[in-house]
Amino acid sequence: MTTHAIVTLNISNPDTFADYRARAGEAMQKHGITALQLTKEPTRMEGTQEAPQMIVLLTADSRDAFEAWHSDPEFAAVHELRRASGEITIFLM
């Protein structure tokens, strides 16, 4: 079943994030994950939580694809780059 992920990002280390972005595509492609939309100007419509610097909407054929991507030992260093880039949260839907 198609699964989406919402990724919120507040980048505090742009150089590390640039390195992550340069390497992330291979990991995503291996697991059939694609970015549907990205915004660097999210707008809060309701609530009090601050909007992140960036939001990305990802899609894959299944929840298993996201879990395999997230736990793939081949790309552990890539995931560490993402985590070291700032405050990043991934929600599966």
PDB file of N, CA and C in Angstrom:
ATOM      1  N   MET A   1       0.842  -1.179   0.000  1.00  0.00           N
ATOM      2  CA  MET A   1       0.000   0.000   0.000  1.00  0.00           C
ATOM      3  C   MET A   1       0.891   1.247   0.000  1.00  0.00           C
ATOM      4  N   THR A   2       0.600   2.179  -0.854  1.00  0.00           N
ATOM      5  CA  THR A   2       1.392   3.405  -0.930  1.00  0.00           C
ATOM      6  C   THR A   2       1.466   4.066   0.442  1.00  0.00           C
ATOM      7  N   THR A   3       2.675   4.458   0.797  1.00  0.00           N
ATOM      8  CA  THR A   3       2.921   5.109   2.084  1.00  0.00           C
ATOM      9  C   THR A   3       3.640   6.424   1.824  1.00  0.00           C
ATOM     10  N   HIS A   4       3.294   7.423   2.616  1.00  0.00           N
ATOM     11  CA  HIS A   4       3.949   8.722   2.522  1.00  0.00           C
ATOM     12  C   HIS A   4       4.703   9.004   3.814  1.00  0.00           C
ATOM     13  N   ALA A   5       5.685   9.854   3.705  1.00  0.00           N
ATOM     14  CA  ALA A   5       6.411  10.332   4.876  1.00  0.00           C
ATOM     15  C   ALA A   5       6.487  11.848   4.790  1.00  0.00           C
ATOM     16  N   ILE A   6       6.322  12.476   5.937  1.00  0.00           N
ATOM     17  CA  ILE A   6       6.510  13.919   6.044  1.00  0.00           C
ATOM     18  C   ILE A   6       7.793  14.124   6.828  1.00  0.00           C
ATOM     19  N   VAL A   7       8.697  14.890   6.243  1.00  0.00           N
ATOM     20  CA  VAL A   7       9.986  15.165   6.873  1.00  0.00           C
ATOM     21  C   VAL A   7      10.043  16.660   7.173  1.00  0.00           C
ATOM     22  N   THR A   8      10.249  17.003   8.447  1.00  0.00           N
ATOM     23  CA  THR A   8      10.418  18.408   8.820  1.00  0.00           C
ATOM     24  C   THR A   8      11.886  18.635   9.129  1.00  0.00           C
ATOM     25  N   LEU A   9      12.408  19.758   8.669  1.00  0.00           N
ATOM     26  CA  LEU A   9      13.833  20.023   8.803  1.00  0.00           C
ATOM     27  C   LEU A   9      14.093  21.437   9.294  1.00  0.00           C
ATOM     28  N   ASN A  10      14.956  21.531  10.287  1.00  0.00           N
ATOM     29  CA  ASN A  10      15.552  22.792  10.730  1.00  0.00           C
ATOM     30  C   ASN A  10      17.051  22.568  10.684  1.00  0.00           C
ATOM     31  N   ILE A  11      17.673  23.100   9.658  1.00  0.00           N
ATOM     32  CA  ILE A  11      19.079  22.831   9.379  1.00  0.00           C
ATOM     33  C   ILE A  11      19.969  23.799  10.148  1.00  0.00           C
ATOM     34  N   SER A  12      20.875  23.233  10.949  1.00  0.00           N
ATOM     35  CA  SER A  12      21.830  24.056  11.686  1.00  0.00           C
ATOM     36  C   SER A  12      23.259  23.871  11.164  1.00  0.00           C
ATOM     37  N   ASN A  13      23.472  22.872  10.327  1.00  0.00           N
ATOM     38  CA  ASN A  13      24.787  22.635   9.743  1.00  0.00           C
ATOM     39  C   ASN A  13      24.619  22.461   8.228  1.00  0.00           C
ATOM     40  N   PRO A  14      24.600  23.572   7.500  1.00  0.00           N
ATOM     41  CA  PRO A  14      24.333  23.516   6.058  1.00  0.00           C
ATOM     42  C   PRO A  14      25.353  22.702   5.260  1.00  0.00           C
ATOM     43  N   ASP A  15      26.622  22.719   5.672  1.00  0.00           N
ATOM     44  CA  ASP A  15      27.634  21.948   4.934  1.00  0.00           C
ATOM     45  C   ASP A  15      27.376  20.452   5.049  1.00  0.00           C
ATOM     46  N   THR A  16      27.034  20.003   6.244  1.00  0.00           N
ATOM     47  CA  THR A  16      26.721  18.590   6.448  1.00  0.00           C
ATOM     48  C   THR A  16      25.458  18.219   5.669  1.00  0.00           C
ATOM     49  N   PHE A  17      24.477  19.114   5.676  1.00  0.00           N
ATOM     50  CA  PHE A  17      23.246  18.846   4.949  1.00  0.00           C
ATOM     51  C   PHE A  17      23.512  18.776   3.439  1.00  0.00           C
ATOM     52  N   ALA A  18      24.374  19.619   2.932  1.00  0.00           N
ATOM     53  CA  ALA A  18      24.718  19.574   1.506  1.00  0.00           C
ATOM     54  C   ALA A  18      25.367  18.234   1.164  1.00  0.00           C
ATOM     55  N   ASP A  19      26.216  17.738   2.042  1.00  0.00           N
ATOM     56  CA  ASP A  19      26.840  16.428   1.841  1.00  0.00           C
ATOM     57  C   ASP A  19      25.773  15.335   1.866  1.00  0.00           C
ATOM     58  N   TYR A  20      24.839  15.432   2.807  1.00  0.00           N
ATOM     59  CA  TYR A  20      23.739  14.467   2.872  1.00  0.00           C
ATOM     60  C   TYR A  20      22.928  14.471   1.576  1.00  0.00           C
ATOM     61  N   ARG A  21      22.540  15.645   1.119  1.00  0.00           N
ATOM     62  CA  ARG A  21      21.717  15.741  -0.098  1.00  0.00           C
ATOM     63  C   ARG A  21      22.430  15.153  -1.310  1.00  0.00           C
ATOM     64  N   ALA A  22      23.754  15.311  -1.351  1.00  0.00           N
ATOM     65  CA  ALA A  22      24.519  14.773  -2.470  1.00  0.00           C
ATOM     66  C   ALA A  22      24.514  13.245  -2.473  1.00  0.00           C
ATOM     67  N   ARG A  23      24.320  12.642  -1.299  1.00  0.00           N
ATOM     68  CA  ARG A  23      24.402  11.186  -1.186  1.00  0.00           C
ATOM     69  C   ARG A  23      23.057  10.499  -0.945  1.00  0.00           C
ATOM     70  N   ALA A  24      22.033  11.248  -0.596  1.00  0.00           N
ATOM     71  CA  ALA A  24      20.752  10.659  -0.197  1.00  0.00           C
ATOM     72  C   ALA A  24      19.996  10.015  -1.346  1.00  0.00           C
ATOM     73  N   GLY A  25      20.131  10.540  -2.535  1.00  0.00           N
ATOM     74  CA  GLY A  25      19.374  10.035  -3.679  1.00  0.00           C
ATOM     75  C   GLY A  25      19.598   8.560  -3.952  1.00  0.00           C
ATOM     76  N   GLU A  26      20.819   8.105  -3.824  1.00  0.00           N
ATOM     77  CA  GLU A  26      21.132   6.694  -4.077  1.00  0.00           C
ATOM     78  C   GLU A  26      20.389   5.789  -3.099  1.00  0.00           C
ATOM     79  N   ALA A  27      20.372   6.176  -1.832  1.00  0.00           N
ATOM     80  CA  ALA A  27      19.681   5.377  -0.812  1.00  0.00           C
ATOM     81  C   ALA A  27      18.181   5.365  -1.075  1.00  0.00           C
ATOM     82  N   MET A  28      17.628   6.507  -1.409  1.00  0.00           N
ATOM     83  CA  MET A  28      16.189   6.586  -1.672  1.00  0.00           C
ATOM     84  C   MET A  28      15.828   5.765  -2.906  1.00  0.00           C
ATOM     85  N   GLN A  29      16.630   5.880  -3.948  1.00  0.00           N
ATOM     86  CA  GLN A  29      16.355   5.162  -5.187  1.00  0.00           C
ATOM     87  C   GLN A  29      16.397   3.656  -4.955  1.00  0.00           C
ATOM     88  N   LYS A  30      17.354   3.186  -4.171  1.00  0.00           N
ATOM     89  CA  LYS A  30      17.477   1.757  -3.893  1.00  0.00           C
ATOM     90  C   LYS A  30      16.195   1.197  -3.285  1.00  0.00           C
ATOM     91  N   HIS A  31      15.513   1.997  -2.472  1.00  0.00           N
ATOM     92  CA  HIS A  31      14.329   1.525  -1.762  1.00  0.00           C
ATOM     93  C   HIS A  31      13.019   2.050  -2.361  1.00  0.00           C
ATOM     94  N   GLY A  32      13.100   2.663  -3.540  1.00  0.00           N
ATOM     95  CA  GLY A  32      11.897   3.094  -4.240  1.00  0.00           C
ATOM     96  C   GLY A  32      11.189   4.275  -3.594  1.00  0.00           C
ATOM     97  N   ILE A  33      11.956   5.145  -2.975  1.00  0.00           N
ATOM     98  CA  ILE A  33      11.394   6.323  -2.309  1.00  0.00           C
ATOM     99  C   ILE A  33      11.634   7.535  -3.197  1.00  0.00           C
ATOM    100  N   THR A  34      10.583   8.325  -3.399  1.00  0.00           N
ATOM    101  CA  THR A  34      10.726   9.541  -4.191  1.00  0.00           C
ATOM    102  C   THR A  34      10.145  10.732  -3.435  1.00  0.00           C
ATOM    103  N   ALA A  35      10.692  11.890  -3.729  1.00  0.00           N
ATOM    104  CA  ALA A  35      10.189  13.136  -3.143  1.00  0.00           C
ATOM    105  C   ALA A  35       9.070  13.654  -4.031  1.00  0.00           C
ATOM    106  N   LEU A  36       7.904  13.837  -3.439  1.00  0.00           N
ATOM    107  CA  LEU A  36       6.768  14.390  -4.185  1.00  0.00           C
ATOM    108  C   LEU A  36       6.766  15.902  -4.170  1.00  0.00           C
ATOM    109  N   GLN A  37       7.157  16.472  -3.034  1.00  0.00           N
ATOM    110  CA  GLN A  37       7.127  17.923  -2.905  1.00  0.00           C
ATOM    111  C   GLN A  37       8.090  18.360  -1.807  1.00  0.00           C
ATOM    112  N   LEU A  38       8.642  19.542  -1.992  1.00  0.00           N
ATOM    113  CA  LEU A  38       9.530  20.162  -1.019  1.00  0.00           C
ATOM    114  C   LEU A  38       9.184  21.638  -0.943  1.00  0.00           C
ATOM    115  N   THR A  39       9.123  22.153   0.275  1.00  0.00           N
ATOM    116  CA  THR A  39       8.933  23.594   0.421  1.00  0.00           C
ATOM    117  C   THR A  39       9.936  24.139   1.414  1.00  0.00           C
ATOM    118  N   LYS A  40      10.520  25.254   1.066  1.00  0.00           N
ATOM    119  CA  LYS A  40      11.420  25.968   1.966  1.00  0.00           C
ATOM    120  C   LYS A  40      10.695  27.135   2.626  1.00  0.00           C
ATOM    121  N   GLU A  41       9.378  27.233   2.386  1.00  0.00           N
ATOM    122  CA  GLU A  41       8.576  28.305   2.968  1.00  0.00           C
ATOM    123  C   GLU A  41       7.244  27.748   3.483  1.00  0.00           C
ATOM    124  N   PRO A  42       7.297  26.791   4.434  1.00  0.00           N
ATOM    125  CA  PRO A  42       6.026  26.273   4.948  1.00  0.00           C
ATOM    126  C   PRO A  42       5.266  27.349   5.721  1.00  0.00           C
ATOM    127  N   THR A  43       3.961  27.297   5.631  1.00  0.00           N
ATOM    128  CA  THR A  43       3.102  28.274   6.294  1.00  0.00           C
ATOM    129  C   THR A  43       2.251  27.573   7.332  1.00  0.00           C
ATOM    130  N   ARG A  44       2.323  28.012   8.558  1.00  0.00           N
ATOM    131  CA  ARG A  44       1.472  27.470   9.615  1.00  0.00           C
ATOM    132  C   ARG A  44       0.078  28.051   9.440  1.00  0.00           C
ATOM    133  N   MET A  45      -0.902  27.187   9.330  1.00  0.00           N
ATOM    134  CA  MET A  45      -2.287  27.648   9.188  1.00  0.00           C
ATOM    135  C   MET A  45      -3.014  27.667  10.525  1.00  0.00           C
ATOM    136  N   GLU A  46      -2.556  26.840  11.454  1.00  0.00           N
ATOM    137  CA  GLU A  46      -3.260  26.737  12.722  1.00  0.00           C
ATOM    138  C   GLU A  46      -2.296  26.203  13.774  1.00  0.00           C
ATOM    139  N   GLY A  47      -2.549  26.540  15.024  1.00  0.00           N
ATOM    140  CA  GLY A  47      -1.732  26.035  16.125  1.00  0.00           C
ATOM    141  C   GLY A  47      -0.619  26.990  16.494  1.00  0.00           C
ATOM    142  N   THR A  48       0.191  26.563  17.439  1.00  0.00           N
ATOM    143  CA  THR A  48       1.242  27.432  17.963  1.00  0.00           C
ATOM    144  C   THR A  48       2.655  26.936  17.657  1.00  0.00           C
ATOM    145  N   GLN A  49       2.779  25.722  17.115  1.00  0.00           N
ATOM    146  CA  GLN A  49       4.097  25.183  16.805  1.00  0.00           C
ATOM    147  C   GLN A  49       4.750  25.995  15.695  1.00  0.00           C
ATOM    148  N   GLU A  50       6.006  26.320  15.873  1.00  0.00           N
ATOM    149  CA  GLU A  50       6.743  27.050  14.842  1.00  0.00           C
ATOM    150  C   GLU A  50       6.889  26.199  13.587  1.00  0.00           C
ATOM    151  N   ALA A  51       6.770  26.809  12.451  1.00  0.00           N
ATOM    152  CA  ALA A  51       6.979  26.099  11.191  1.00  0.00           C
ATOM    153  C   ALA A  51       8.470  25.803  11.023  1.00  0.00           C
ATOM    154  N   PRO A  52       8.800  24.619  10.535  1.00  0.00           N
ATOM    155  CA  PRO A  52      10.209  24.312  10.278  1.00  0.00           C
ATOM    156  C   PRO A  52      10.724  25.096   9.081  1.00  0.00           C
ATOM    157  N   GLN A  53      12.029  25.064   8.887  1.00  0.00           N
ATOM    158  CA  GLN A  53      12.629  25.728   7.734  1.00  0.00           C
ATOM    159  C   GLN A  53      12.203  25.077   6.422  1.00  0.00           C
ATOM    160  N   MET A  54      11.971  23.761   6.474  1.00  0.00           N
ATOM    161  CA  MET A  54      11.688  23.017   5.257  1.00  0.00           C
ATOM    162  C   MET A  54      10.797  21.819   5.599  1.00  0.00           C
ATOM    163  N   ILE A  55       9.925  21.458   4.663  1.00  0.00           N
ATOM    164  CA  ILE A  55       9.128  20.238   4.768  1.00  0.00           C
ATOM    165  C   ILE A  55       9.238  19.500   3.431  1.00  0.00           C
ATOM    166  N   VAL A  56       9.436  18.173   3.529  1.00  0.00           N
ATOM    167  CA  VAL A  56       9.514  17.335   2.338  1.00  0.00           C
ATOM    168  C   VAL A  56       8.455  16.246   2.458  1.00  0.00           C
ATOM    169  N   LEU A  57       7.736  15.992   1.368  1.00  0.00           N
ATOM    170  CA  LEU A  57       6.769  14.910   1.300  1.00  0.00           C
ATOM    171  C   LEU A  57       7.368  13.815   0.435  1.00  0.00           C
ATOM    172  N   LEU A  58       7.542  12.633   1.027  1.00  0.00           N
ATOM    173  CA  LEU A  58       8.109  11.480   0.326  1.00  0.00           C
ATOM    174  C   LEU A  58       7.031  10.434   0.099  1.00  0.00           C
ATOM    175  N   THR A  59       7.247   9.567  -0.886  1.00  0.00           N
ATOM    176  CA  THR A  59       6.334   8.464  -1.130  1.00  0.00           C
ATOM    177  C   THR A  59       7.121   7.200  -1.475  1.00  0.00           C
ATOM    178  N   ALA A  60       6.509   6.056  -1.145  1.00  0.00           N
ATOM    179  CA  ALA A  60       7.061   4.749  -1.499  1.00  0.00           C
ATOM    180  C   ALA A  60       5.893   3.781  -1.629  1.00  0.00           C
ATOM    181  N   ASP A  61       6.169   2.618  -2.177  1.00  0.00           N
ATOM    182  CA  ASP A  61       5.118   1.620  -2.381  1.00  0.00           C
ATOM    183  C   ASP A  61       4.579   1.043  -1.080  1.00  0.00           C
ATOM    184  N   SER A  62       5.396   1.109  -0.010  1.00  0.00           N
ATOM    185  CA  SER A  62       4.968   0.484   1.245  1.00  0.00           C
ATOM    186  C   SER A  62       5.711   1.066   2.436  1.00  0.00           C
ATOM    187  N   ARG A  63       5.162   0.803   3.591  1.00  0.00           N
ATOM    188  CA  ARG A  63       5.820   1.166   4.843  1.00  0.00           C
ATOM    189  C   ARG A  63       7.137   0.397   4.967  1.00  0.00           C
ATOM    190  N   ASP A  64       7.137  -0.855   4.503  1.00  0.00           N
ATOM    191  CA  ASP A  64       8.343  -1.676   4.551  1.00  0.00           C
ATOM    192  C   ASP A  64       9.500  -1.027   3.792  1.00  0.00           C
ATOM    193  N   ALA A  65       9.202  -0.351   2.680  1.00  0.00           N
ATOM    194  CA  ALA A  65      10.252   0.328   1.908  1.00  0.00           C
ATOM    195  C   ALA A  65      10.915   1.410   2.746  1.00  0.00           C
ATOM    196  N   PHE A  66      10.108   2.187   3.476  1.00  0.00           N
ATOM    197  CA  PHE A  66      10.680   3.222   4.339  1.00  0.00           C
ATOM    198  C   PHE A  66      11.503   2.602   5.471  1.00  0.00           C
ATOM    199  N   GLU A  67      10.982   1.540   6.048  1.00  0.00           N
ATOM    200  CA  GLU A  67      11.706   0.902   7.147  1.00  0.00           C
ATOM    201  C   GLU A  67      13.016   0.288   6.657  1.00  0.00           C
ATOM    202  N   ALA A  68      13.004  -0.308   5.465  1.00  0.00           N
ATOM    203  CA  ALA A  68      14.239  -0.865   4.897  1.00  0.00           C
ATOM    204  C   ALA A  68      15.249   0.238   4.600  1.00  0.00           C
ATOM    205  N   TRP A  69      14.775   1.357   4.060  1.00  0.00           N
ATOM    206  CA  TRP A  69      15.657   2.506   3.789  1.00  0.00           C
ATOM    207  C   TRP A  69      16.278   3.019   5.089  1.00  0.00           C
ATOM    208  N   HIS A  70      15.451   3.151   6.110  1.00  0.00           N
ATOM    209  CA  HIS A  70      15.900   3.722   7.374  1.00  0.00           C
ATOM    210  C   HIS A  70      16.902   2.829   8.102  1.00  0.00           C
ATOM    211  N   SER A  71      16.793   1.522   7.913  1.00  0.00           N
ATOM    212  CA  SER A  71      17.672   0.596   8.642  1.00  0.00           C
ATOM    213  C   SER A  71      18.754  -0.029   7.768  1.00  0.00           C
ATOM    214  N   ASP A  72      18.873   0.390   6.520  1.00  0.00           N
ATOM    215  CA  ASP A  72      19.848  -0.193   5.591  1.00  0.00           C
ATOM    216  C   ASP A  72      21.275   0.111   6.051  1.00  0.00           C
ATOM    217  N   PRO A  73      22.034  -0.913   6.442  1.00  0.00           N
ATOM    218  CA  PRO A  73      23.397  -0.675   6.938  1.00  0.00           C
ATOM    219  C   PRO A  73      24.333  -0.079   5.880  1.00  0.00           C
ATOM    220  N   GLU A  74      24.028  -0.320   4.605  1.00  0.00           N
ATOM    221  CA  GLU A  74      24.838   0.241   3.522  1.00  0.00           C
ATOM    222  C   GLU A  74      24.825   1.769   3.545  1.00  0.00           C
ATOM    223  N   PHE A  75      23.728   2.352   4.060  1.00  0.00           N
ATOM    224  CA  PHE A  75      23.584   3.801   4.048  1.00  0.00           C
ATOM    225  C   PHE A  75      23.578   4.411   5.448  1.00  0.00           C
ATOM    226  N   ALA A  76      24.109   3.700   6.429  1.00  0.00           N
ATOM    227  CA  ALA A  76      24.152   4.210   7.809  1.00  0.00           C
ATOM    228  C   ALA A  76      24.877   5.553   7.881  1.00  0.00           C
ATOM    229  N   ALA A  77      25.960   5.702   7.142  1.00  0.00           N
ATOM    230  CA  ALA A  77      26.721   6.958   7.175  1.00  0.00           C
ATOM    231  C   ALA A  77      25.903   8.106   6.576  1.00  0.00           C
ATOM    232  N   VAL A  78      25.091   7.803   5.574  1.00  0.00           N
ATOM    233  CA  VAL A  78      24.244   8.832   4.962  1.00  0.00           C
ATOM    234  C   VAL A  78      23.194   9.293   5.974  1.00  0.00           C
ATOM    235  N   HIS A  79      22.588   8.337   6.675  1.00  0.00           N
ATOM    236  CA  HIS A  79      21.586   8.693   7.685  1.00  0.00           C
ATOM    237  C   HIS A  79      22.222   9.513   8.817  1.00  0.00           C
ATOM    238  N   GLU A  80      23.441   9.201   9.161  1.00  0.00           N
ATOM    239  CA  GLU A  80      24.131   9.984  10.204  1.00  0.00           C
ATOM    240  C   GLU A  80      24.381  11.417   9.747  1.00  0.00           C
ATOM    241  N   LEU A  81      24.671  11.597   8.467  1.00  0.00           N
ATOM    242  CA  LEU A  81      24.827  12.962   7.943  1.00  0.00           C
ATOM    243  C   LEU A  81      23.528  13.746   8.109  1.00  0.00           C
ATOM    244  N   ARG A  82      22.402  13.096   7.791  1.00  0.00           N
ATOM    245  CA  ARG A  82      21.107  13.758   7.949  1.00  0.00           C
ATOM    246  C   ARG A  82      20.903  14.164   9.405  1.00  0.00           C
ATOM    247  N   ARG A  83      21.137  13.241  10.313  1.00  0.00           N
ATOM    248  CA  ARG A  83      20.926  13.509  11.737  1.00  0.00           C
ATOM    249  C   ARG A  83      21.854  14.615  12.253  1.00  0.00           C
ATOM    250  N   ALA A  84      23.051  14.693  11.694  1.00  0.00           N
ATOM    251  CA  ALA A  84      24.022  15.703  12.121  1.00  0.00           C
ATOM    252  C   ALA A  84      23.762  17.068  11.485  1.00  0.00           C
ATOM    253  N   SER A  85      22.820  17.130  10.554  1.00  0.00           N
ATOM    254  CA  SER A  85      22.534  18.372   9.836  1.00  0.00           C
ATOM    255  C   SER A  85      21.704  19.357  10.639  1.00  0.00           C
ATOM    256  N   GLY A  86      20.972  18.851  11.634  1.00  0.00           N
ATOM    257  CA  GLY A  86      20.100  19.722  12.411  1.00  0.00           C
ATOM    258  C   GLY A  86      18.979  18.920  13.031  1.00  0.00           C
ATOM    259  N   GLU A  87      17.877  19.579  13.281  1.00  0.00           N
ATOM    260  CA  GLU A  87      16.709  18.927  13.865  1.00  0.00           C
ATOM    261  C   GLU A  87      15.801  18.457  12.731  1.00  0.00           C
ATOM    262  N   ILE A  88      15.749  17.148  12.561  1.00  0.00           N
ATOM    263  CA  ILE A  88      14.989  16.565  11.460  1.00  0.00           C
ATOM    264  C   ILE A  88      14.078  15.483  12.031  1.00  0.00           C
ATOM    265  N   THR A  89      12.813  15.534  11.644  1.00  0.00           N
ATOM    266  CA  THR A  89      11.829  14.568  12.119  1.00  0.00           C
ATOM    267  C   THR A  89      11.161  13.937  10.905  1.00  0.00           C
ATOM    268  N   ILE A  90      10.968  12.621  10.967  1.00  0.00           N
ATOM    269  CA  ILE A  90      10.313  11.880   9.886  1.00  0.00           C
ATOM    270  C   ILE A  90       9.058  11.225  10.453  1.00  0.00           C
ATOM    271  N   PHE A  91       7.920  11.496   9.827  1.00  0.00           N
ATOM    272  CA  PHE A  91       6.647  10.895  10.205  1.00  0.00           C
ATOM    273  C   PHE A  91       6.160  10.027   9.061  1.00  0.00           C
ATOM    274  N   LEU A  92       5.829   8.769   9.333  1.00  0.00           N
ATOM    275  CA  LEU A  92       5.187   7.932   8.328  1.00  0.00           C
ATOM    276  C   LEU A  92       3.693   8.086   8.431  1.00  0.00           C
ATOM    277  N   MET A  93       3.024   8.063   7.289  1.00  0.00           N
ATOM    278  CA  MET A  93       1.558   8.190   7.256  1.00  0.00           C
ATOM    279  C   MET A  93       0.954   6.905   6.727  1.00  0.00           C
TER     280      MET A  93
END
